[in-house]
Amino acid sequence: MKKPGSVQGQPFDITNCKNSELIILDNCDQVQIDEVLDSKIFIGASSESIFVRNCSGCTFTIACKQLRTRDCSNCTFNLYCKTQPVIETSTDMR
């Protein structure tokens, strides 16, 4: 868990997690999420883009400016986004 004040608007990366629960309660810049399996991820607020790549079996709760996904499968998104999400080569997305 990243508590308020710990990220301070900086970019943030999440990589190679499995069966995890990740919570970011601070505002952040761009977020990159790669190679995550069977996890729950909460991102309170991103002022820029969130990239989700090569993830499977995950549930995301995200507030962001833009969401882009690529090569993901079987993922659920609870999304607040200023633009339409961009979903590339992904399957079973909800």
N, C-alpha and C. Protein backbone atom coordinates (compact mmCIF):
# COMPACT_ATOMS: atom_id res chain seq x y z
N MET A 1 0.85 -1.18 0.00
CA MET A 1 0.00 0.00 0.00
C MET A 1 0.88 1.24 0.00
N LYS A 2 0.55 2.16 -0.88
CA LYS A 2 1.19 3.48 -0.91
C LYS A 2 0.20 4.46 -0.32
N LYS A 3 0.55 5.02 0.82
CA LYS A 3 -0.35 5.94 1.54
C LYS A 3 -0.28 7.34 0.95
N PRO A 4 -1.30 8.18 1.26
CA PRO A 4 -1.28 9.56 0.78
C PRO A 4 0.03 10.25 1.16
N GLY A 5 0.62 10.94 0.18
CA GLY A 5 1.88 11.65 0.40
C GLY A 5 3.12 10.84 0.07
N SER A 6 2.98 9.55 -0.22
CA SER A 6 4.16 8.72 -0.46
C SER A 6 4.61 8.69 -1.92
N VAL A 7 3.72 8.96 -2.86
CA VAL A 7 4.08 8.96 -4.29
C VAL A 7 4.31 10.39 -4.78
N GLN A 8 3.55 11.32 -4.27
CA GLN A 8 3.67 12.76 -4.54
C GLN A 8 3.66 13.11 -6.02
N GLY A 9 2.75 12.49 -6.78
CA GLY A 9 2.58 12.86 -8.17
C GLY A 9 3.63 12.34 -9.13
N GLN A 10 4.49 11.45 -8.68
CA GLN A 10 5.54 10.90 -9.53
C GLN A 10 5.04 9.70 -10.34
N PRO A 11 5.75 9.33 -11.44
CA PRO A 11 5.41 8.10 -12.17
C PRO A 11 5.58 6.88 -11.26
N PHE A 12 4.86 5.79 -11.60
CA PHE A 12 4.87 4.61 -10.74
C PHE A 12 4.79 3.37 -11.61
N ASP A 13 5.58 2.36 -11.31
CA ASP A 13 5.59 1.10 -12.05
C ASP A 13 5.21 -0.06 -11.15
N ILE A 14 4.40 -0.99 -11.69
CA ILE A 14 4.05 -2.24 -11.01
C ILE A 14 4.41 -3.36 -11.98
N THR A 15 5.28 -4.28 -11.55
CA THR A 15 5.77 -5.32 -12.45
C THR A 15 5.88 -6.66 -11.74
N ASN A 16 5.52 -7.73 -12.47
CA ASN A 16 5.74 -9.11 -12.03
C ASN A 16 5.14 -9.42 -10.66
N CYS A 17 3.87 -9.18 -10.49
CA CYS A 17 3.18 -9.50 -9.24
C CYS A 17 2.20 -10.65 -9.50
N LYS A 18 1.99 -11.48 -8.50
CA LYS A 18 1.06 -12.59 -8.63
C LYS A 18 0.31 -12.75 -7.31
N ASN A 19 -1.02 -12.96 -7.41
CA ASN A 19 -1.86 -13.14 -6.23
C ASN A 19 -1.64 -12.04 -5.19
N SER A 20 -1.68 -10.80 -5.65
CA SER A 20 -1.38 -9.66 -4.78
C SER A 20 -2.57 -8.70 -4.72
N GLU A 21 -2.56 -7.87 -3.70
CA GLU A 21 -3.49 -6.76 -3.59
C GLU A 21 -2.67 -5.50 -3.43
N LEU A 22 -2.73 -4.62 -4.45
CA LEU A 22 -1.90 -3.42 -4.49
C LEU A 22 -2.80 -2.20 -4.45
N ILE A 23 -2.48 -1.26 -3.56
CA ILE A 23 -3.32 -0.08 -3.36
C ILE A 23 -2.45 1.17 -3.39
N ILE A 24 -2.79 2.11 -4.28
CA ILE A 24 -2.10 3.40 -4.33
C ILE A 24 -3.13 4.46 -3.95
N LEU A 25 -2.96 5.04 -2.78
CA LEU A 25 -3.91 6.03 -2.26
C LEU A 25 -3.44 7.46 -2.45
N ASP A 26 -2.34 7.64 -3.18
CA ASP A 26 -1.79 8.97 -3.45
C ASP A 26 -1.97 9.29 -4.93
N ASN A 27 -1.94 10.58 -5.28
CA ASN A 27 -1.98 10.93 -6.70
C ASN A 27 -0.63 10.58 -7.34
N CYS A 28 -0.69 10.17 -8.60
CA CYS A 28 0.54 9.80 -9.30
C CYS A 28 0.46 10.27 -10.75
N ASP A 29 1.59 10.25 -11.40
CA ASP A 29 1.70 10.61 -12.81
C ASP A 29 1.42 9.35 -13.62
N GLN A 30 2.15 9.09 -14.66
CA GLN A 30 1.97 7.89 -15.48
C GLN A 30 2.22 6.63 -14.66
N VAL A 31 1.39 5.61 -14.90
CA VAL A 31 1.55 4.31 -14.22
C VAL A 31 1.69 3.24 -15.28
N GLN A 32 2.68 2.36 -15.12
CA GLN A 32 2.86 1.23 -16.00
C GLN A 32 2.68 -0.05 -15.18
N ILE A 33 1.79 -0.93 -15.65
CA ILE A 33 1.50 -2.18 -14.96
C ILE A 33 1.79 -3.31 -15.95
N ASP A 34 2.77 -4.14 -15.64
CA ASP A 34 3.21 -5.19 -16.55
C ASP A 34 3.32 -6.54 -15.85
N GLU A 35 2.89 -7.60 -16.56
CA GLU A 35 3.08 -8.99 -16.12
C GLU A 35 2.50 -9.25 -14.72
N VAL A 36 1.24 -8.88 -14.52
CA VAL A 36 0.58 -9.10 -13.23
C VAL A 36 -0.48 -10.19 -13.43
N LEU A 37 -0.52 -11.14 -12.50
CA LEU A 37 -1.45 -12.27 -12.58
C LEU A 37 -2.32 -12.36 -11.33
N ASP A 38 -3.61 -12.62 -11.53
CA ASP A 38 -4.55 -12.94 -10.45
C ASP A 38 -4.43 -11.99 -9.26
N SER A 39 -4.49 -10.70 -9.53
CA SER A 39 -4.31 -9.70 -8.48
C SER A 39 -5.40 -8.64 -8.54
N LYS A 40 -5.49 -7.86 -7.46
CA LYS A 40 -6.40 -6.72 -7.38
C LYS A 40 -5.54 -5.47 -7.24
N ILE A 41 -5.84 -4.48 -8.09
CA ILE A 41 -5.06 -3.24 -8.08
C ILE A 41 -6.01 -2.05 -8.00
N PHE A 42 -5.77 -1.16 -7.03
CA PHE A 42 -6.55 0.06 -6.85
C PHE A 42 -5.60 1.24 -7.04
N ILE A 43 -5.93 2.12 -7.99
CA ILE A 43 -5.14 3.34 -8.20
C ILE A 43 -6.09 4.51 -8.04
N GLY A 44 -5.89 5.26 -6.96
CA GLY A 44 -6.81 6.32 -6.59
C GLY A 44 -6.92 7.44 -7.61
N ALA A 45 -5.81 7.92 -8.12
CA ALA A 45 -5.86 9.00 -9.11
C ALA A 45 -4.53 9.12 -9.84
N SER A 46 -4.61 9.05 -11.16
CA SER A 46 -3.45 9.29 -12.01
C SER A 46 -3.76 10.47 -12.91
N SER A 47 -2.90 11.46 -12.91
CA SER A 47 -3.12 12.65 -13.73
C SER A 47 -2.77 12.42 -15.19
N GLU A 48 -2.19 11.27 -15.50
CA GLU A 48 -1.79 10.96 -16.87
C GLU A 48 -2.31 9.58 -17.29
N SER A 49 -1.56 8.90 -18.13
CA SER A 49 -1.98 7.60 -18.67
C SER A 49 -1.60 6.45 -17.75
N ILE A 50 -2.44 5.42 -17.80
CA ILE A 50 -2.12 4.15 -17.16
C ILE A 50 -2.02 3.11 -18.26
N PHE A 51 -0.89 2.43 -18.31
CA PHE A 51 -0.65 1.38 -19.29
C PHE A 51 -0.72 0.04 -18.57
N VAL A 52 -1.56 -0.88 -19.07
CA VAL A 52 -1.70 -2.21 -18.49
C VAL A 52 -1.32 -3.20 -19.59
N ARG A 53 -0.26 -3.98 -19.37
CA ARG A 53 0.24 -4.87 -20.41
C ARG A 53 0.51 -6.26 -19.85
N ASN A 54 0.12 -7.26 -20.63
CA ASN A 54 0.42 -8.66 -20.30
C ASN A 54 -0.07 -9.05 -18.91
N CYS A 55 -1.29 -8.69 -18.58
CA CYS A 55 -1.90 -9.04 -17.29
C CYS A 55 -3.04 -10.02 -17.51
N SER A 56 -3.28 -10.88 -16.53
CA SER A 56 -4.34 -11.89 -16.65
C SER A 56 -5.00 -12.14 -15.31
N GLY A 57 -6.33 -12.29 -15.35
CA GLY A 57 -7.08 -12.64 -14.15
C GLY A 57 -7.09 -11.57 -13.07
N CYS A 58 -6.99 -10.32 -13.46
CA CYS A 58 -6.89 -9.23 -12.49
C CYS A 58 -8.17 -8.39 -12.44
N THR A 59 -8.35 -7.72 -11.31
CA THR A 59 -9.40 -6.72 -11.14
C THR A 59 -8.74 -5.39 -10.85
N PHE A 60 -9.08 -4.38 -11.65
CA PHE A 60 -8.49 -3.05 -11.51
C PHE A 60 -9.58 -2.05 -11.14
N THR A 61 -9.29 -1.18 -10.19
CA THR A 61 -10.12 -0.02 -9.90
C THR A 61 -9.22 1.19 -10.10
N ILE A 62 -9.58 2.01 -11.10
CA ILE A 62 -8.65 3.04 -11.57
C ILE A 62 -9.39 4.33 -11.87
N ALA A 63 -8.77 5.46 -11.50
CA ALA A 63 -9.19 6.79 -11.95
C ALA A 63 -7.99 7.40 -12.66
N CYS A 64 -8.18 7.81 -13.94
CA CYS A 64 -7.03 8.29 -14.70
C CYS A 64 -7.46 9.20 -15.84
N LYS A 65 -6.47 9.78 -16.50
CA LYS A 65 -6.71 10.60 -17.68
C LYS A 65 -6.93 9.71 -18.91
N GLN A 66 -6.11 8.66 -19.05
CA GLN A 66 -6.22 7.74 -20.18
C GLN A 66 -5.82 6.34 -19.75
N LEU A 67 -6.57 5.32 -20.23
CA LEU A 67 -6.22 3.93 -19.98
C LEU A 67 -5.90 3.25 -21.30
N ARG A 68 -4.77 2.55 -21.32
CA ARG A 68 -4.37 1.77 -22.50
C ARG A 68 -4.03 0.36 -22.03
N THR A 69 -4.59 -0.64 -22.71
CA THR A 69 -4.26 -2.03 -22.38
C THR A 69 -3.73 -2.73 -23.63
N ARG A 70 -2.85 -3.71 -23.41
CA ARG A 70 -2.33 -4.52 -24.51
C ARG A 70 -2.00 -5.92 -23.99
N ASP A 71 -2.43 -6.91 -24.76
CA ASP A 71 -2.11 -8.32 -24.46
C ASP A 71 -2.56 -8.75 -23.07
N CYS A 72 -3.76 -8.35 -22.69
CA CYS A 72 -4.33 -8.74 -21.40
C CYS A 72 -5.47 -9.73 -21.64
N SER A 73 -5.78 -10.52 -20.61
CA SER A 73 -6.91 -11.45 -20.73
C SER A 73 -7.61 -11.61 -19.39
N ASN A 74 -8.93 -11.82 -19.49
CA ASN A 74 -9.74 -12.12 -18.31
C ASN A 74 -9.57 -11.09 -17.19
N CYS A 75 -9.66 -9.82 -17.52
CA CYS A 75 -9.51 -8.75 -16.53
C CYS A 75 -10.80 -7.95 -16.41
N THR A 76 -11.06 -7.45 -15.20
CA THR A 76 -12.21 -6.60 -14.92
C THR A 76 -11.70 -5.21 -14.55
N PHE A 77 -12.32 -4.18 -15.15
CA PHE A 77 -11.94 -2.80 -14.87
C PHE A 77 -13.12 -2.04 -14.31
N ASN A 78 -12.93 -1.43 -13.15
CA ASN A 78 -13.84 -0.43 -12.58
C ASN A 78 -13.13 0.89 -12.87
N LEU A 79 -13.64 1.63 -13.85
CA LEU A 79 -12.85 2.71 -14.44
C LEU A 79 -13.56 4.05 -14.43
N TYR A 80 -12.83 5.09 -14.01
CA TYR A 80 -13.21 6.47 -14.27
C TYR A 80 -12.08 7.04 -15.11
N CYS A 81 -12.41 7.51 -16.32
CA CYS A 81 -11.38 7.94 -17.26
C CYS A 81 -11.89 9.14 -18.05
N LYS A 82 -11.02 10.12 -18.31
CA LYS A 82 -11.42 11.31 -19.06
C LYS A 82 -11.59 11.03 -20.55
N THR A 83 -11.02 9.92 -21.04
CA THR A 83 -11.13 9.57 -22.45
C THR A 83 -11.61 8.11 -22.57
N GLN A 84 -11.94 7.71 -23.76
CA GLN A 84 -12.29 6.31 -24.00
C GLN A 84 -11.04 5.44 -23.82
N PRO A 85 -11.16 4.28 -23.20
CA PRO A 85 -9.99 3.41 -23.06
C PRO A 85 -9.54 2.88 -24.42
N VAL A 86 -8.26 2.60 -24.54
CA VAL A 86 -7.68 2.01 -25.74
C VAL A 86 -7.32 0.57 -25.39
N ILE A 87 -7.99 -0.38 -26.03
CA ILE A 87 -7.80 -1.80 -25.72
C ILE A 87 -7.23 -2.48 -26.96
N GLU A 88 -5.99 -2.96 -26.86
CA GLU A 88 -5.31 -3.57 -27.99
C GLU A 88 -5.03 -5.05 -27.70
N THR A 89 -5.31 -5.90 -28.64
CA THR A 89 -5.02 -7.35 -28.60
C THR A 89 -5.26 -7.97 -27.22
N SER A 90 -6.40 -7.67 -26.63
CA SER A 90 -6.77 -8.20 -25.32
C SER A 90 -8.09 -8.96 -25.45
N THR A 91 -8.30 -9.95 -24.58
CA THR A 91 -9.51 -10.77 -24.64
C THR A 91 -10.18 -10.86 -23.28
N ASP A 92 -11.49 -11.11 -23.30
CA ASP A 92 -12.29 -11.28 -22.08
C ASP A 92 -12.12 -10.13 -21.09
N MET A 93 -12.22 -8.92 -21.62
CA MET A 93 -12.10 -7.72 -20.79
C MET A 93 -13.49 -7.27 -20.39
N ARG A 94 -13.65 -6.89 -19.11
CA ARG A 94 -14.94 -6.41 -18.61
C ARG A 94 -14.74 -5.06 -17.96
